[in-house]
Amino acid sequence: MNISHGAALAAVGTAVLGLAGCAAGPAGTSDLIQIGANLEMTGSNASFGTSSLNGIHMAVEEANIQGGVLGKKIQVIGVDNRSEVAGAADAFTKLAESGVSAIIGPDTSSNVIALAPLAASKKIPVISPSGTNPDITVDPKTERTRDYLFRACFTDPYQGRVMADFARERLGMKTAVILVDNASDYSKGLAEFFKQEFEAKGGTVLLEEAYMARDVDFKPILTKAAAQRPDMLFVPGYYQEVGLILRQSREMGMMQPILGGDGWDSDKLAEIAGVPNMRNVYFCNHYSPADDDPKLQDFVNRYEARYGMKPDSFAVTAYDAASLAIEAIRASGSAKPETVAKALTQIRGFEGISGRITIDDKHNTVSSGIIMSFENGRRTFVARIDPE
């Protein structure tokens, strides 16, 4: 963060502290309400955390310009979780010690799931902007909704169905090979939900091959995939590895469609993959900058003016997550974490940037899925899939 940016934040009562992993000082001053940001600011998913923090900045600053909440200004305390499960737990502990009313983030499913026992113990609500694995909000062992975990986005069962339907009905794909990041709850879950729907629609999954986050040579598994002669590949991973898979598959002459999920959404993807290798690829996302909704377009224009680029979905869903936290504080009339958590469960029809948000009894949100593709390396809108 440069000095002028920090000054602008302070001018509206917002501070971002501890981005290198150091928590803020004593919290709970009489004129401030603190919201934590537990984000992937460095490491393999740093693009996600950077965009999310930008979105949180904008939501909090707008609230502060309008007078704050409960007569107080809002302060953001940001802690870098280093894109690691252990880092997410460390960040949570620092934020809890700072006295935050709610925590926004992490972005990735594995990092959010790791916080479930901590959030329950400290009774602090955690709102993931983009964690899509269903186990985030519902304990798979007990099938009970987790009291203090929420999300501001759709779930993997939904986006898995969206992509399987698109593959079968729009692209006419009959066979697929799935490449899965075996270290990621997000990737494994989305792969399974896609497979279930694809096969239910009459498709055949010929092969599933695993890789690990931070792998760089995908030619061995791509060779196995190519031998199956599939109509398509489904790669539900994050942009770092997906970019290399796109590049290496095209270099090997594999020109069939490659599909994936919202973990692809980063400006870094085309940089890693190479623009010529981005043809005939599609992914599911939370929003499109081509959406003509006036409120969304106003946000896109303001974001672009401030940061010099169009927002990705992580900025949008983080803006909504922070707005939900602020609305819960306002509605409850209290900044106490337990009270804020209860108020979150009552949110219905909240006007977010990504659309109208209702938090259901599983602490999930109901929203549309957007199919995106690429033209000259830039994300382009293909179709909106509304929930049934």
Protein backbone atom coordinates (compact mmCIF):
# COMPACT_ATOMS: atom_id res chain seq x y z
CA MET A 1 0.00 0.00 0.00
CA ASN A 2 1.50 3.38 -0.94
CA ILE A 3 1.34 6.44 1.29
CA SER A 4 -1.30 8.32 -0.70
CA HIS A 5 -3.56 5.27 -0.72
CA GLY A 6 -3.18 4.89 3.04
CA ALA A 7 -4.00 8.57 3.52
CA ALA A 8 -7.14 8.19 1.47
CA LEU A 9 -8.22 5.26 3.62
CA ALA A 10 -7.56 7.09 6.84
CA ALA A 11 -9.56 10.07 5.55
CA VAL A 12 -12.74 8.00 5.63
CA GLY A 13 -11.89 6.12 8.81
CA THR A 14 -10.56 2.92 7.26
CA ALA A 15 -7.17 1.40 7.98
CA VAL A 16 -5.66 -1.80 6.65
CA LEU A 17 -3.14 -3.24 9.05
CA GLY A 18 -0.96 -6.30 9.31
CA LEU A 19 -0.81 -7.32 5.67
CA ALA A 20 2.56 -8.89 6.25
CA GLY A 21 1.01 -11.09 8.92
CA CYS A 22 1.19 -8.74 11.92
CA ALA A 23 -2.10 -8.12 13.66
CA ALA A 24 -3.24 -4.65 14.61
CA GLY A 25 -2.76 -3.16 18.01
CA PRO A 26 -5.43 -3.05 20.72
CA ALA A 27 -8.90 -2.99 19.22
CA GLY A 28 -12.35 -1.92 20.35
CA THR A 29 -11.79 1.82 20.67
CA SER A 30 -14.98 3.72 21.39
CA ASP A 31 -15.26 5.38 17.97
CA LEU A 32 -14.39 2.33 15.82
CA ILE A 33 -15.97 -0.96 14.82
CA GLN A 34 -13.41 -3.42 13.52
CA ILE A 35 -13.88 -5.97 10.74
CA GLY A 36 -11.14 -8.50 10.02
CA ALA A 37 -9.85 -9.59 6.60
CA ASN A 38 -8.19 -13.03 6.55
CA LEU A 39 -6.94 -13.18 2.96
CA GLU A 40 -4.52 -14.87 0.56
CA MET A 41 -2.32 -11.82 0.06
CA THR A 42 0.84 -13.78 -0.77
CA GLY A 43 1.53 -17.31 -1.95
CA SER A 44 -0.06 -19.28 -4.76
CA ASN A 45 -3.43 -17.49 -4.63
CA ALA A 46 -2.24 -13.94 -3.99
CA SER A 47 -4.33 -12.58 -6.87
CA PHE A 48 -7.50 -13.58 -4.99
CA GLY A 49 -6.60 -11.80 -1.76
CA THR A 50 -5.46 -8.63 -3.50
CA SER A 51 -8.76 -8.30 -5.36
CA SER A 52 -10.78 -9.17 -2.26
CA LEU A 53 -9.05 -6.55 -0.16
CA ASN A 54 -9.77 -3.97 -2.84
CA GLY A 55 -13.46 -4.86 -2.72
CA ILE A 56 -13.53 -4.70 1.07
CA HIS A 57 -11.85 -1.27 0.98
CA MET A 58 -14.58 0.08 -1.27
CA ALA A 59 -17.47 -1.31 0.76
CA VAL A 60 -16.10 -0.02 4.06
CA GLU A 61 -15.13 3.39 2.72
CA GLU A 62 -18.59 3.87 1.23
CA ALA A 63 -20.18 2.98 4.56
CA ASN A 64 -17.88 5.38 6.40
CA ILE A 65 -18.60 8.22 3.97
CA GLN A 66 -22.29 7.69 4.74
CA GLY A 67 -21.63 8.00 8.46
CA GLY A 68 -20.41 4.54 9.37
CA VAL A 69 -22.60 2.15 11.35
CA LEU A 70 -24.15 2.60 14.79
CA GLY A 71 -22.60 6.07 14.86
CA LYS A 72 -19.07 4.70 14.54
CA LYS A 73 -16.50 4.44 11.77
CA ILE A 74 -15.46 1.01 10.50
CA GLN A 75 -11.83 -0.08 10.51
CA VAL A 76 -10.48 -3.02 8.51
CA ILE A 77 -7.72 -5.13 10.02
CA GLY A 78 -6.11 -7.22 7.30
CA VAL A 79 -3.89 -10.25 7.93
CA ASP A 80 -2.16 -12.27 5.21
CA ASN A 81 -2.84 -16.01 5.47
CA ARG A 82 -0.09 -16.78 2.91
CA SER A 83 -2.50 -18.99 0.89
CA GLU A 84 -2.02 -21.73 3.49
CA VAL A 85 -4.30 -23.57 5.93
CA ALA A 86 -1.87 -22.95 8.79
CA GLY A 87 -1.63 -19.31 7.78
CA ALA A 88 -5.41 -18.96 7.81
CA ALA A 89 -5.52 -20.32 11.37
CA ASP A 90 -2.74 -17.94 12.46
CA ALA A 91 -4.54 -15.01 10.87
CA PHE A 92 -7.80 -15.91 12.61
CA THR A 93 -6.09 -15.99 15.99
CA LYS A 94 -4.54 -12.55 15.45
CA LEU A 95 -7.86 -11.10 14.34
CA ALA A 96 -9.73 -12.64 17.26
CA GLU A 97 -7.21 -11.08 19.64
CA SER A 98 -7.81 -7.71 17.98
CA GLY A 99 -11.50 -7.78 18.91
CA VAL A 100 -13.10 -7.83 15.46
CA SER A 101 -16.87 -8.06 15.04
CA ALA A 102 -16.66 -10.31 11.97
CA ILE A 103 -14.02 -11.72 9.62
CA ILE A 104 -14.14 -11.56 5.82
CA GLY A 105 -12.27 -14.42 4.14
CA PRO A 106 -10.47 -16.59 3.44
CA ASP A 107 -11.16 -16.92 -0.28
CA THR A 108 -10.25 -20.58 -0.76
CA SER A 109 -12.36 -23.44 0.54
CA SER A 110 -9.66 -25.41 2.37
CA ASN A 111 -8.57 -22.31 4.26
CA VAL A 112 -12.14 -21.51 5.33
CA ILE A 113 -12.98 -25.07 6.39
CA ALA A 114 -9.88 -25.07 8.62
CA LEU A 115 -11.38 -22.18 10.61
CA ALA A 116 -14.61 -23.98 11.57
CA PRO A 117 -13.50 -25.09 15.07
CA LEU A 118 -11.82 -21.74 15.76
CA ALA A 119 -14.89 -19.73 14.72
CA ALA A 120 -17.12 -21.94 16.86
CA SER A 121 -14.79 -21.63 19.85
CA LYS A 122 -14.41 -17.85 19.66
CA LYS A 123 -17.97 -17.28 18.39
CA ILE A 124 -16.85 -14.92 15.64
CA PRO A 125 -18.71 -14.97 12.30
CA VAL A 126 -16.57 -15.73 9.25
CA ILE A 127 -17.91 -14.76 5.82
CA SER A 128 -16.02 -16.27 2.90
CA PRO A 129 -16.35 -14.15 -0.24
CA SER A 130 -15.67 -17.03 -2.62
CA GLY A 131 -15.31 -20.35 -0.78
CA THR A 132 -17.66 -22.66 -2.68
CA ASN A 133 -17.20 -26.10 -1.07
CA PRO A 134 -20.43 -27.10 0.76
CA ASP A 135 -18.47 -28.31 3.81
CA ILE A 136 -17.70 -24.67 4.64
CA THR A 137 -21.16 -24.03 6.06
CA VAL A 138 -22.38 -27.58 6.78
CA ASP A 139 -20.41 -30.11 8.83
CA PRO A 140 -20.29 -33.26 6.64
CA LYS A 141 -20.09 -35.52 9.69
CA THR A 142 -23.15 -34.20 11.49
CA GLU A 143 -24.93 -32.49 8.55
CA ARG A 144 -25.52 -29.53 10.86
CA THR A 145 -25.12 -25.95 9.73
CA ARG A 146 -22.02 -24.37 11.22
CA ASP A 147 -23.19 -21.50 13.42
CA TYR A 148 -20.40 -19.06 12.61
CA LEU A 149 -19.46 -19.79 8.98
CA PHE A 150 -21.16 -18.05 6.05
CA ARG A 151 -20.50 -17.41 2.38
CA ALA A 152 -21.30 -14.65 -0.13
CA CYS A 153 -21.31 -16.80 -3.28
CA PHE A 154 -22.81 -19.89 -4.89
CA THR A 155 -21.68 -23.42 -3.98
CA ASP A 156 -19.76 -26.13 -5.84
CA PRO A 157 -22.82 -28.37 -6.36
CA TYR A 158 -24.39 -25.47 -8.22
CA GLN A 159 -21.42 -24.50 -10.36
CA GLY A 160 -20.64 -28.18 -11.03
CA ARG A 161 -24.15 -28.57 -12.41
CA VAL A 162 -23.87 -25.37 -14.41
CA MET A 163 -20.68 -26.50 -16.13
CA ALA A 164 -21.88 -30.05 -16.75
CA ASP A 165 -25.11 -28.77 -18.28
CA PHE A 166 -23.17 -26.31 -20.43
CA ALA A 167 -20.78 -29.04 -21.58
CA ARG A 168 -23.54 -31.48 -22.52
CA GLU A 169 -26.29 -29.17 -23.79
CA ARG A 170 -24.44 -26.19 -25.27
CA LEU A 171 -21.17 -27.78 -26.41
CA GLY A 172 -22.46 -31.30 -27.09
CA MET A 173 -19.60 -32.97 -25.21
CA LYS A 174 -20.02 -36.72 -24.67
CA THR A 175 -16.74 -37.70 -22.99
CA ALA A 176 -14.46 -35.95 -20.51
CA VAL A 177 -11.21 -36.29 -18.61
CA ILE A 178 -11.02 -34.56 -15.21
CA LEU A 179 -7.76 -33.19 -13.79
CA VAL A 180 -7.97 -32.58 -10.02
CA ASP A 181 -5.77 -30.71 -7.55
CA ASN A 182 -5.54 -33.41 -4.89
CA ALA A 183 -4.52 -30.92 -2.20
CA SER A 184 -7.63 -28.77 -2.63
CA ASP A 185 -11.06 -29.38 -1.09
CA TYR A 186 -12.43 -26.97 -3.67
CA SER A 187 -10.99 -28.85 -6.64
CA LYS A 188 -11.95 -32.32 -5.37
CA GLY A 189 -15.49 -31.28 -4.50
CA LEU A 190 -16.14 -29.43 -7.74
CA ALA A 191 -14.74 -32.36 -9.75
CA GLU A 192 -17.14 -34.74 -8.04
CA PHE A 193 -20.20 -32.51 -8.51
CA PHE A 194 -19.35 -31.99 -12.19
CA LYS A 195 -18.90 -35.72 -12.69
CA GLN A 196 -22.23 -36.56 -11.06
CA GLU A 197 -24.17 -34.16 -13.24
CA PHE A 198 -22.22 -34.90 -16.43
CA GLU A 199 -22.89 -38.63 -16.09
CA ALA A 200 -26.52 -38.03 -15.11
CA LYS A 201 -26.86 -36.12 -18.38
CA GLY A 202 -25.52 -39.11 -20.34
CA GLY A 203 -21.86 -38.12 -20.52
CA THR A 204 -18.92 -40.41 -19.74
CA VAL A 205 -15.90 -39.53 -17.62
CA LEU A 206 -13.06 -41.54 -19.18
CA LEU A 207 -10.33 -40.75 -16.66
CA GLU A 208 -9.58 -38.75 -13.51
CA GLU A 209 -5.98 -37.72 -12.89
CA ALA A 210 -4.60 -35.94 -9.82
CA TYR A 211 -1.97 -33.25 -9.50
CA MET A 212 -0.80 -31.15 -6.56
CA ALA A 213 -0.77 -27.41 -5.99
CA ARG A 214 2.52 -25.84 -7.12
CA ASP A 215 3.19 -28.61 -9.67
CA VAL A 216 4.74 -27.18 -12.83
CA ASP A 217 5.08 -30.16 -15.19
CA PHE A 218 1.69 -31.51 -16.25
CA LYS A 219 2.81 -33.35 -19.37
CA PRO A 220 2.70 -36.84 -17.77
CA ILE A 221 -0.97 -36.54 -16.79
CA LEU A 222 -1.81 -34.72 -20.00
CA THR A 223 -0.25 -37.58 -21.97
CA LYS A 224 -2.58 -40.00 -20.17
CA ALA A 225 -5.51 -37.69 -20.85
CA ALA A 226 -4.69 -37.36 -24.55
CA ALA A 227 -4.54 -41.15 -24.91
CA GLN A 228 -8.23 -41.30 -23.95
CA ARG A 229 -9.18 -38.97 -26.84
CA PRO A 230 -11.79 -37.12 -24.77
CA ASP A 231 -14.16 -34.53 -26.18
CA MET A 232 -13.11 -32.15 -23.41
CA LEU A 233 -11.08 -31.63 -20.22
CA PHE A 234 -12.55 -30.41 -16.94
CA VAL A 235 -9.95 -28.71 -14.71
CA PRO A 236 -11.49 -27.38 -11.47
CA GLY A 237 -8.33 -25.80 -10.11
CA TYR A 238 -6.79 -22.41 -9.34
CA TYR A 239 -5.32 -20.09 -11.93
CA GLN A 240 -1.63 -20.80 -11.23
CA GLU A 241 -1.78 -24.48 -12.17
CA VAL A 242 -4.63 -24.08 -14.67
CA GLY A 243 -2.57 -21.58 -16.66
CA LEU A 244 0.26 -24.10 -17.00
CA ILE A 245 -2.18 -26.87 -17.92
CA LEU A 246 -3.70 -24.71 -20.66
CA ARG A 247 -0.27 -23.85 -22.04
CA GLN A 248 1.15 -27.36 -21.91
CA SER A 249 -1.97 -29.07 -23.28
CA ARG A 250 -2.06 -26.76 -26.30
CA GLU A 251 1.66 -27.23 -26.87
CA MET A 252 0.98 -30.98 -26.98
CA GLY A 253 -1.67 -30.49 -29.66
CA MET A 254 -4.71 -30.98 -27.39
CA MET A 255 -7.15 -28.46 -28.87
CA GLN A 256 -10.45 -29.72 -27.40
CA PRO A 257 -12.52 -27.49 -25.07
CA ILE A 258 -11.19 -27.07 -21.52
CA LEU A 259 -13.69 -26.11 -18.81
CA GLY A 260 -13.32 -25.09 -15.19
CA GLY A 261 -14.72 -23.15 -12.23
CA ASP A 262 -14.43 -19.79 -10.53
CA GLY A 263 -10.87 -20.51 -9.35
CA TRP A 264 -9.78 -19.54 -12.87
CA ASP A 265 -10.82 -15.92 -12.41
CA SER A 266 -7.59 -13.93 -12.42
CA ASP A 267 -5.84 -11.58 -14.82
CA LYS A 268 -2.79 -13.78 -14.23
CA LEU A 269 -4.39 -16.73 -16.04
CA ALA A 270 -3.80 -15.41 -19.56
CA GLU A 271 -0.32 -14.27 -18.56
CA ILE A 272 0.60 -17.78 -17.42
CA ALA A 273 -1.19 -19.67 -20.19
CA GLY A 274 -0.32 -17.37 -23.07
CA VAL A 275 -3.07 -15.63 -25.06
CA PRO A 276 -2.89 -18.01 -28.08
CA ASN A 277 -3.65 -20.93 -25.73
CA MET A 278 -6.87 -19.40 -24.36
CA ARG A 279 -9.12 -20.35 -27.25
CA ASN A 280 -12.00 -22.76 -26.65
CA VAL A 281 -11.90 -22.53 -22.85
CA TYR A 282 -14.82 -21.76 -20.51
CA PHE A 283 -15.33 -21.32 -16.78
CA CYS A 284 -18.10 -20.58 -14.30
CA ASN A 285 -17.97 -17.25 -12.50
CA HIS A 286 -19.91 -15.09 -10.05
CA TYR A 287 -20.31 -12.03 -12.26
CA SER A 288 -19.49 -10.55 -15.64
CA PRO A 289 -18.35 -6.95 -16.25
CA ALA A 290 -20.59 -7.11 -19.34
CA ASP A 291 -23.69 -7.35 -17.14
CA ASP A 292 -25.69 -4.15 -17.77
CA ASP A 293 -27.14 -3.89 -14.24
CA PRO A 294 -26.72 -0.16 -13.33
CA LYS A 295 -25.54 -0.81 -9.78
CA LEU A 296 -22.95 -3.31 -10.98
CA GLN A 297 -21.76 -1.02 -13.76
CA ASP A 298 -21.36 1.84 -11.30
CA PHE A 299 -19.18 -0.41 -9.14
CA VAL A 300 -17.14 -1.58 -12.16
CA ASN A 301 -16.51 2.03 -13.26
CA ARG A 302 -15.52 3.19 -9.77
CA TYR A 303 -13.25 0.17 -9.27
CA GLU A 304 -11.56 0.67 -12.64
CA ALA A 305 -11.02 4.38 -11.95
CA ARG A 306 -9.42 3.59 -8.61
CA TYR A 307 -7.35 0.50 -9.39
CA GLY A 308 -6.75 0.82 -13.13
CA MET A 309 -8.42 -2.47 -14.05
CA LYS A 310 -11.85 -4.04 -14.14
CA PRO A 311 -12.77 -5.97 -10.98
CA ASP A 312 -12.64 -9.75 -11.03
CA SER A 313 -15.24 -11.83 -9.19
CA PHE A 314 -13.17 -11.88 -6.00
CA ALA A 315 -13.43 -8.10 -5.70
CA VAL A 316 -17.18 -8.27 -6.29
CA THR A 317 -17.94 -11.06 -3.80
CA ALA A 318 -15.62 -9.53 -1.16
CA TYR A 319 -17.44 -6.21 -1.54
CA ASP A 320 -20.70 -8.07 -0.97
CA ALA A 321 -19.27 -10.02 1.99
CA ALA A 322 -18.13 -6.83 3.70
CA SER A 323 -21.50 -5.20 2.93
CA LEU A 324 -23.29 -8.17 4.52
CA ALA A 325 -21.18 -7.82 7.66
CA ILE A 326 -21.95 -4.10 7.86
CA GLU A 327 -25.66 -4.73 7.30
CA ALA A 328 -25.69 -7.37 10.05
CA ILE A 329 -24.05 -4.95 12.50
CA ARG A 330 -26.57 -2.28 11.58
CA ALA A 331 -29.57 -4.60 11.79
CA SER A 332 -28.53 -6.11 15.10
CA GLY A 333 -27.76 -2.78 16.71
CA SER A 334 -24.57 -4.28 18.12
CA ALA A 335 -20.98 -4.97 17.12
CA LYS A 336 -20.75 -8.06 19.33
CA PRO A 337 -19.70 -11.03 17.15
CA GLU A 338 -22.41 -13.40 18.44
CA THR A 339 -25.11 -10.83 17.75
CA VAL A 340 -23.70 -10.13 14.28
CA ALA A 341 -23.72 -13.87 13.48
CA LYS A 342 -27.38 -14.13 14.46
CA ALA A 343 -28.27 -11.11 12.32
CA LEU A 344 -26.53 -12.65 9.30
CA THR A 345 -28.92 -15.59 9.43
CA GLN A 346 -31.85 -13.17 9.01
CA ILE A 347 -30.65 -11.46 5.81
CA ARG A 348 -33.18 -11.73 2.97
CA GLY A 349 -33.12 -9.96 -0.39
CA PHE A 350 -30.07 -7.81 0.35
CA GLU A 351 -29.06 -5.74 -2.69
CA GLY A 352 -25.46 -6.72 -3.38
CA ILE A 353 -23.27 -5.97 -6.37
CA SER A 354 -23.59 -9.58 -7.56
CA GLY A 355 -27.41 -9.42 -7.22
CA ARG A 356 -30.03 -9.90 -4.52
CA ILE A 357 -28.60 -11.95 -1.66
CA THR A 358 -30.55 -14.18 0.68
CA ILE A 359 -28.77 -16.27 3.32
CA ASP A 360 -30.55 -19.61 3.65
CA ASP A 361 -30.75 -22.04 6.57
CA LYS A 362 -27.39 -23.56 5.55
CA HIS A 363 -25.74 -20.11 5.54
CA ASN A 364 -25.39 -20.27 1.75
CA THR A 365 -26.41 -17.59 -0.74
CA VAL A 366 -28.61 -18.08 -3.76
CA SER A 367 -27.18 -16.45 -6.90
CA SER A 368 -26.69 -16.91 -10.64
CA GLY A 369 -23.79 -18.60 -12.40
CA ILE A 370 -22.07 -16.83 -15.29
CA ILE A 371 -20.32 -18.73 -18.11
CA MET A 372 -17.19 -16.91 -19.23
CA SER A 373 -14.77 -17.47 -22.10
CA PHE A 374 -11.81 -15.55 -23.53
CA GLU A 375 -11.21 -13.34 -26.55
CA ASN A 376 -7.65 -12.14 -27.14
CA GLY A 377 -6.88 -13.18 -23.57
CA ARG A 378 -9.70 -11.11 -22.05
CA ARG A 379 -12.64 -12.60 -20.21
CA THR A 380 -15.89 -12.44 -22.18
CA PHE A 381 -19.51 -13.13 -21.24
CA VAL A 382 -21.14 -16.26 -22.72
CA ALA A 383 -24.31 -16.95 -20.74
CA ARG A 384 -26.09 -16.40 -17.41
CA ILE A 385 -27.51 -19.49 -15.69
CA ASP A 386 -30.13 -18.60 -13.07
CA PRO A 387 -30.90 -21.00 -10.20
CA GLU A 388 -34.04 -23.06 -10.66
